[in-house]
Amino acid sequence: MEKTKIAVLVSGGGTNLQALIDAQNSGIIKSGEIVAVISNKPDVYALTRAENAGIKGYVANKKQLGAGFENELVRILTEVKAEIIILAGFMCILSENFTKRYPNRIINVHPALIPSFCGEGFYGLHVHEAALKKGVKVTGATVHFVNEICDGGEIIAQKAVEVLEGDTPETLQRRVMEQAEWIILPLAAEKVSAQIMKQKGE
């Protein structure tokens, strides 16, 4: 049976994308296949990672497209027949119109244990700064479905990471990526891909 087609949306360096590519190559992701990498800005390293892996890269330049940005995303996703959309360090909030088109088909990785340190304004280093400020002893990452509420969709996977004495937002960010994000994002991608394959076969 044909594998589930995955499109990965990126905004920067693409470390989570690399984790997905590596997982596909090593057979962790076996029910899905990455068919496209779409960036909301040109010249990001994630597009180079896609090219190196032989995956087609696209740019939907949000700055240039303005209100037409999501239409362009939909056009590309339709063209590549994407069945799952993975947000891997994608720094744009998607509208309710967009998320409603793809119910339970968009997944995101968030660098904290939802419902802690999530919602509007909690992205990138801000999440780890907030965790350290609060003095939590454990943080982690969450993979969840995306709906119209920021970080509000159903949780697919979570993994805890210890906060260490002397951590900075940067050291904590790195550990959360290595010990949680890069592990649970590929596993969640496989889980959802397998479910979609099963539905297609029924």
C-alpha atoms as a PDB file:
ATOM      1  CA  MET A   1       0.000   0.000   0.000  1.00  0.00           C
ATOM      2  CA  GLU A   2       1.128   3.546  -0.723  1.00  0.00           C
ATOM      3  CA  LYS A   3       2.768   5.334   2.191  1.00  0.00           C
ATOM      4  CA  THR A   4       1.129   8.348   3.832  1.00  0.00           C
ATOM      5  CA  LYS A   5       2.417  11.538   2.211  1.00  0.00           C
ATOM      6  CA  ILE A   6       3.995  13.964   4.694  1.00  0.00           C
ATOM      7  CA  ALA A   7       4.664  17.680   4.160  1.00  0.00           C
ATOM      8  CA  VAL A   8       6.956  19.397   6.684  1.00  0.00           C
ATOM      9  CA  LEU A   9       6.574  23.137   7.323  1.00  0.00           C
ATOM     10  CA  VAL A  10       9.722  24.938   8.469  1.00  0.00           C
ATOM     11  CA  SER A  11      11.017  28.423   9.268  1.00  0.00           C
ATOM     12  CA  GLY A  12      14.709  28.048  10.086  1.00  0.00           C
ATOM     13  CA  GLY A  13      17.582  25.627  10.552  1.00  0.00           C
ATOM     14  CA  GLY A  14      15.499  22.491  10.350  1.00  0.00           C
ATOM     15  CA  THR A  15      16.886  20.371  13.202  1.00  0.00           C
ATOM     16  CA  ASN A  16      13.481  18.748  13.753  1.00  0.00           C
ATOM     17  CA  LEU A  17      13.217  18.188  10.000  1.00  0.00           C
ATOM     18  CA  GLN A  18      16.599  16.437  10.131  1.00  0.00           C
ATOM     19  CA  ALA A  19      15.327  14.199  12.944  1.00  0.00           C
ATOM     20  CA  LEU A  20      12.371  13.245  10.689  1.00  0.00           C
ATOM     21  CA  ILE A  21      14.632  12.604   7.668  1.00  0.00           C
ATOM     22  CA  ASP A  22      16.968  10.445   9.799  1.00  0.00           C
ATOM     23  CA  ALA A  23      13.982   8.539  11.204  1.00  0.00           C
ATOM     24  CA  GLN A  24      12.687   7.908   7.688  1.00  0.00           C
ATOM     25  CA  ASN A  25      16.127   6.640   6.595  1.00  0.00           C
ATOM     26  CA  SER A  26      16.512   4.381   9.639  1.00  0.00           C
ATOM     27  CA  GLY A  27      13.023   2.894   9.331  1.00  0.00           C
ATOM     28  CA  ILE A  28      11.457   4.500  12.431  1.00  0.00           C
ATOM     29  CA  ILE A  29       9.065   6.215  10.020  1.00  0.00           C
ATOM     30  CA  LYS A  30       7.987   3.378   7.731  1.00  0.00           C
ATOM     31  CA  SER A  31       4.289   4.160   7.111  1.00  0.00           C
ATOM     32  CA  GLY A  32       4.931   7.706   5.899  1.00  0.00           C
ATOM     33  CA  GLU A  33       7.143   9.462   3.391  1.00  0.00           C
ATOM     34  CA  ILE A  34       8.221  13.115   3.368  1.00  0.00           C
ATOM     35  CA  VAL A  35       7.194  14.437  -0.059  1.00  0.00           C
ATOM     36  CA  ALA A  36       7.707  18.182   0.497  1.00  0.00           C
ATOM     37  CA  VAL A  37       9.377  20.707   2.770  1.00  0.00           C
ATOM     38  CA  ILE A  38       7.728  24.141   2.743  1.00  0.00           C
ATOM     39  CA  SER A  39       9.360  27.217   4.256  1.00  0.00           C
ATOM     40  CA  ASN A  40       7.638  30.506   5.008  1.00  0.00           C
ATOM     41  CA  LYS A  41      10.845  32.342   4.107  1.00  0.00           C
ATOM     42  CA  PRO A  42      13.596  31.831   1.506  1.00  0.00           C
ATOM     43  CA  ASP A  43      17.229  30.885   2.166  1.00  0.00           C
ATOM     44  CA  VAL A  44      16.729  28.881   5.350  1.00  0.00           C
ATOM     45  CA  TYR A  45      19.006  25.949   6.084  1.00  0.00           C
ATOM     46  CA  ALA A  46      16.033  23.576   6.371  1.00  0.00           C
ATOM     47  CA  LEU A  47      15.615  23.840   2.575  1.00  0.00           C
ATOM     48  CA  THR A  48      19.259  22.761   2.137  1.00  0.00           C
ATOM     49  CA  ARG A  49      18.592  19.767   4.400  1.00  0.00           C
ATOM     50  CA  ALA A  50      15.610  18.857   2.205  1.00  0.00           C
ATOM     51  CA  GLU A  51      17.684  19.191  -0.965  1.00  0.00           C
ATOM     52  CA  ASN A  52      20.474  17.034   0.513  1.00  0.00           C
ATOM     53  CA  ALA A  53      17.887  14.349   1.286  1.00  0.00           C
ATOM     54  CA  GLY A  54      16.389  14.519  -2.208  1.00  0.00           C
ATOM     55  CA  ILE A  55      13.115  16.012  -0.950  1.00  0.00           C
ATOM     56  CA  LYS A  56      11.400  18.755  -2.942  1.00  0.00           C
ATOM     57  CA  GLY A  57      11.550  22.149  -1.227  1.00  0.00           C
ATOM     58  CA  TYR A  58       9.071  25.000  -1.639  1.00  0.00           C
ATOM     59  CA  VAL A  59       8.943  28.600  -0.417  1.00  0.00           C
ATOM     60  CA  ALA A  60       5.671  30.298   0.474  1.00  0.00           C
ATOM     61  CA  ASN A  61       7.113  33.697   1.334  1.00  0.00           C
ATOM     62  CA  LYS A  62       4.817  35.076   4.012  1.00  0.00           C
ATOM     63  CA  LYS A  63       6.287  38.582   3.806  1.00  0.00           C
ATOM     64  CA  GLN A  64       5.598  38.822   0.072  1.00  0.00           C
ATOM     65  CA  LEU A  65       2.323  36.905  -0.042  1.00  0.00           C
ATOM     66  CA  GLY A  66       0.624  38.613   2.917  1.00  0.00           C
ATOM     67  CA  ALA A  67      -3.047  37.613   2.959  1.00  0.00           C
ATOM     68  CA  GLY A  68      -2.443  35.085   0.165  1.00  0.00           C
ATOM     69  CA  PHE A  69       0.065  33.100   2.270  1.00  0.00           C
ATOM     70  CA  GLU A  70      -2.278  30.325   3.409  1.00  0.00           C
ATOM     71  CA  ASN A  71      -3.761  29.991  -0.095  1.00  0.00           C
ATOM     72  CA  GLU A  72      -0.272  29.333  -1.408  1.00  0.00           C
ATOM     73  CA  LEU A  73       0.305  26.745   1.348  1.00  0.00           C
ATOM     74  CA  VAL A  74      -2.941  25.003   0.383  1.00  0.00           C
ATOM     75  CA  ARG A  75      -1.942  25.084  -3.293  1.00  0.00           C
ATOM     76  CA  ILE A  76       1.408  23.393  -2.587  1.00  0.00           C
ATOM     77  CA  LEU A  77      -0.101  20.871  -0.157  1.00  0.00           C
ATOM     78  CA  THR A  78      -2.735  19.959  -2.762  1.00  0.00           C
ATOM     79  CA  GLU A  79      -0.105  19.674  -5.499  1.00  0.00           C
ATOM     80  CA  VAL A  80       1.998  17.201  -3.472  1.00  0.00           C
ATOM     81  CA  LYS A  81      -1.171  15.418  -2.199  1.00  0.00           C
ATOM     82  CA  ALA A  82      -0.037  15.828   1.431  1.00  0.00           C
ATOM     83  CA  GLU A  83      -1.986  13.754   3.926  1.00  0.00           C
ATOM     84  CA  ILE A  84      -0.164  14.906   7.063  1.00  0.00           C
ATOM     85  CA  ILE A  85       1.337  18.320   7.759  1.00  0.00           C
ATOM     86  CA  ILE A  86       4.132  18.441  10.335  1.00  0.00           C
ATOM     87  CA  LEU A  87       5.064  21.814  11.817  1.00  0.00           C
ATOM     88  CA  ALA A  88       8.772  21.517  12.616  1.00  0.00           C
ATOM     89  CA  GLY A  89       9.915  24.825  14.067  1.00  0.00           C
ATOM     90  CA  PHE A  90       7.320  26.606  11.933  1.00  0.00           C
ATOM     91  CA  MET A  91       6.998  30.140  13.297  1.00  0.00           C
ATOM     92  CA  CYS A  92       3.608  31.118  11.861  1.00  0.00           C
ATOM     93  CA  ILE A  93       0.249  30.806  13.580  1.00  0.00           C
ATOM     94  CA  LEU A  94      -2.206  29.197  11.166  1.00  0.00           C
ATOM     95  CA  SER A  95      -5.760  30.514  10.920  1.00  0.00           C
ATOM     96  CA  GLU A  96      -8.888  28.601  11.901  1.00  0.00           C
ATOM     97  CA  ASN A  97      -9.828  28.479   8.199  1.00  0.00           C
ATOM     98  CA  PHE A  98      -6.614  26.641   7.461  1.00  0.00           C
ATOM     99  CA  THR A  99      -6.649  24.233  10.422  1.00  0.00           C
ATOM    100  CA  LYS A 100     -10.303  23.305   9.755  1.00  0.00           C
ATOM    101  CA  ARG A 101      -9.330  22.086   6.279  1.00  0.00           C
ATOM    102  CA  TYR A 102      -7.043  19.473   7.828  1.00  0.00           C
ATOM    103  CA  PRO A 103      -8.692  18.117  11.013  1.00  0.00           C
ATOM    104  CA  ASN A 104      -6.342  15.732  12.881  1.00  0.00           C
ATOM    105  CA  ARG A 105      -3.881  15.980  10.009  1.00  0.00           C
ATOM    106  CA  ILE A 106      -1.586  18.767  11.299  1.00  0.00           C
ATOM    107  CA  ILE A 107       0.896  17.934  14.047  1.00  0.00           C
ATOM    108  CA  ASN A 108       3.231  20.235  15.931  1.00  0.00           C
ATOM    109  CA  VAL A 109       6.056  19.761  18.402  1.00  0.00           C
ATOM    110  CA  HIS A 110       6.086  22.172  21.363  1.00  0.00           C
ATOM    111  CA  PRO A 111       9.171  22.455  23.632  1.00  0.00           C
ATOM    112  CA  ALA A 112       7.342  22.041  26.956  1.00  0.00           C
ATOM    113  CA  LEU A 113       4.937  19.670  28.663  1.00  0.00           C
ATOM    114  CA  ILE A 114       1.557  21.085  27.645  1.00  0.00           C
ATOM    115  CA  PRO A 115      -0.460  22.550  29.418  1.00  0.00           C
ATOM    116  CA  SER A 116       2.633  24.208  30.966  1.00  0.00           C
ATOM    117  CA  PHE A 117       4.330  27.084  29.135  1.00  0.00           C
ATOM    118  CA  CYS A 118       2.171  27.025  26.042  1.00  0.00           C
ATOM    119  CA  GLY A 119      -0.204  29.280  24.107  1.00  0.00           C
ATOM    120  CA  GLU A 120       0.392  32.702  22.668  1.00  0.00           C
ATOM    121  CA  GLY A 121       3.916  34.080  23.025  1.00  0.00           C
ATOM    122  CA  PHE A 122       5.388  30.759  24.123  1.00  0.00           C
ATOM    123  CA  TYR A 123       7.754  29.764  21.328  1.00  0.00           C
ATOM    124  CA  GLY A 124      11.481  29.170  20.891  1.00  0.00           C
ATOM    125  CA  LEU A 125      13.679  30.281  23.784  1.00  0.00           C
ATOM    126  CA  HIS A 126      10.752  32.080  25.478  1.00  0.00           C
ATOM    127  CA  VAL A 127       9.420  28.686  26.580  1.00  0.00           C
ATOM    128  CA  HIS A 128      12.696  27.687  28.263  1.00  0.00           C
ATOM    129  CA  GLU A 129      13.145  31.140  29.831  1.00  0.00           C
ATOM    130  CA  ALA A 130       9.684  30.805  31.388  1.00  0.00           C
ATOM    131  CA  ALA A 131      10.395  27.273  32.646  1.00  0.00           C
ATOM    132  CA  LEU A 132      13.645  28.391  34.318  1.00  0.00           C
ATOM    133  CA  LYS A 133      12.017  31.497  35.787  1.00  0.00           C
ATOM    134  CA  LYS A 134       9.297  29.333  37.326  1.00  0.00           C
ATOM    135  CA  GLY A 135      11.913  26.986  38.764  1.00  0.00           C
ATOM    136  CA  VAL A 136      10.391  23.760  37.427  1.00  0.00           C
ATOM    137  CA  LYS A 137      12.501  20.643  37.958  1.00  0.00           C
ATOM    138  CA  VAL A 138      11.095  18.829  34.933  1.00  0.00           C
ATOM    139  CA  THR A 139      10.226  20.107  31.487  1.00  0.00           C
ATOM    140  CA  GLY A 140      10.055  18.310  28.139  1.00  0.00           C
ATOM    141  CA  ALA A 141       8.303  18.299  24.789  1.00  0.00           C
ATOM    142  CA  THR A 142       4.819  17.596  23.492  1.00  0.00           C
ATOM    143  CA  VAL A 143       3.605  16.530  20.065  1.00  0.00           C
ATOM    144  CA  HIS A 144      -0.023  17.495  19.524  1.00  0.00           C
ATOM    145  CA  PHE A 145      -2.619  17.891  16.805  1.00  0.00           C
ATOM    146  CA  VAL A 146      -3.109  21.494  15.696  1.00  0.00           C
ATOM    147  CA  ASN A 147      -6.513  23.158  15.865  1.00  0.00           C
ATOM    148  CA  GLU A 148      -7.691  26.781  15.995  1.00  0.00           C
ATOM    149  CA  ILE A 149      -6.464  27.193  19.615  1.00  0.00           C
ATOM    150  CA  CYS A 150      -2.725  27.884  19.945  1.00  0.00           C
ATOM    151  CA  ASP A 151      -1.188  24.686  21.410  1.00  0.00           C
ATOM    152  CA  GLY A 152      -4.729  23.507  22.145  1.00  0.00           C
ATOM    153  CA  GLY A 153      -5.078  20.319  20.100  1.00  0.00           C
ATOM    154  CA  GLU A 154      -5.164  16.733  21.364  1.00  0.00           C
ATOM    155  CA  ILE A 155      -1.823  15.443  22.699  1.00  0.00           C
ATOM    156  CA  ILE A 156      -0.203  12.582  20.751  1.00  0.00           C
ATOM    157  CA  ALA A 157       3.053  12.128  22.704  1.00  0.00           C
ATOM    158  CA  GLN A 158       5.041  13.670  25.545  1.00  0.00           C
ATOM    159  CA  LYS A 159       8.483  13.115  26.987  1.00  0.00           C
ATOM    160  CA  ALA A 160       9.926  14.614  30.158  1.00  0.00           C
ATOM    161  CA  VAL A 161      13.408  16.128  30.461  1.00  0.00           C
ATOM    162  CA  GLU A 162      15.153  17.018  33.698  1.00  0.00           C
ATOM    163  CA  VAL A 163      16.096  20.642  34.374  1.00  0.00           C
ATOM    164  CA  LEU A 164      19.669  20.770  35.663  1.00  0.00           C
ATOM    165  CA  GLU A 165      21.388  23.125  38.088  1.00  0.00           C
ATOM    166  CA  GLY A 166      22.927  26.014  36.168  1.00  0.00           C
ATOM    167  CA  ASP A 167      20.838  25.541  33.051  1.00  0.00           C
ATOM    168  CA  THR A 168      20.481  28.504  30.704  1.00  0.00           C
ATOM    169  CA  PRO A 169      17.582  28.801  28.244  1.00  0.00           C
ATOM    170  CA  GLU A 170      20.048  27.730  25.515  1.00  0.00           C
ATOM    171  CA  THR A 171      21.363  24.606  27.290  1.00  0.00           C
ATOM    172  CA  LEU A 172      17.840  23.610  28.261  1.00  0.00           C
ATOM    173  CA  GLN A 173      16.582  24.136  24.699  1.00  0.00           C
ATOM    174  CA  ARG A 174      19.332  21.875  23.357  1.00  0.00           C
ATOM    175  CA  ARG A 175      18.611  19.107  25.890  1.00  0.00           C
ATOM    176  CA  VAL A 176      14.853  19.231  25.256  1.00  0.00           C
ATOM    177  CA  MET A 177      15.533  18.883  21.507  1.00  0.00           C
ATOM    178  CA  GLU A 178      17.981  15.994  21.892  1.00  0.00           C
ATOM    179  CA  GLN A 179      16.196  14.072  24.643  1.00  0.00           C
ATOM    180  CA  ALA A 180      12.573  14.732  23.681  1.00  0.00           C
ATOM    181  CA  GLU A 181      11.673  16.566  20.445  1.00  0.00           C
ATOM    182  CA  TRP A 182      13.920  14.561  18.091  1.00  0.00           C
ATOM    183  CA  ILE A 183      12.619  11.307  19.600  1.00  0.00           C
ATOM    184  CA  ILE A 184       8.874  11.839  19.952  1.00  0.00           C
ATOM    185  CA  LEU A 185       8.266  13.830  16.749  1.00  0.00           C
ATOM    186  CA  PRO A 186       9.328  10.952  14.435  1.00  0.00           C
ATOM    187  CA  LEU A 187       7.431   8.431  16.616  1.00  0.00           C
ATOM    188  CA  ALA A 188       4.278  10.570  16.444  1.00  0.00           C
ATOM    189  CA  ALA A 189       4.736  10.984  12.667  1.00  0.00           C
ATOM    190  CA  GLU A 190       4.885   7.202  12.289  1.00  0.00           C
ATOM    191  CA  LYS A 191       1.880   6.670  14.550  1.00  0.00           C
ATOM    192  CA  VAL A 192      -0.341   9.112  12.623  1.00  0.00           C
ATOM    193  CA  SER A 193       0.964   7.878   9.236  1.00  0.00           C
ATOM    194  CA  ALA A 194       0.137   4.286  10.185  1.00  0.00           C
ATOM    195  CA  GLN A 195      -3.379   5.288  11.287  1.00  0.00           C
ATOM    196  CA  ILE A 196      -4.016   7.045   7.951  1.00  0.00           C
ATOM    197  CA  MET A 197      -2.658   4.059   5.988  1.00  0.00           C
ATOM    198  CA  LYS A 198      -5.010   1.802   7.954  1.00  0.00           C
ATOM    199  CA  GLN A 199      -7.991   4.072   7.202  1.00  0.00           C
ATOM    200  CA  LYS A 200      -7.120   4.032   3.491  1.00  0.00           C
ATOM    201  CA  GLY A 201      -6.951   0.244   3.534  1.00  0.00           C
ATOM    202  CA  GLU A 202     -10.322  -0.214   5.216  1.00  0.00           C
END
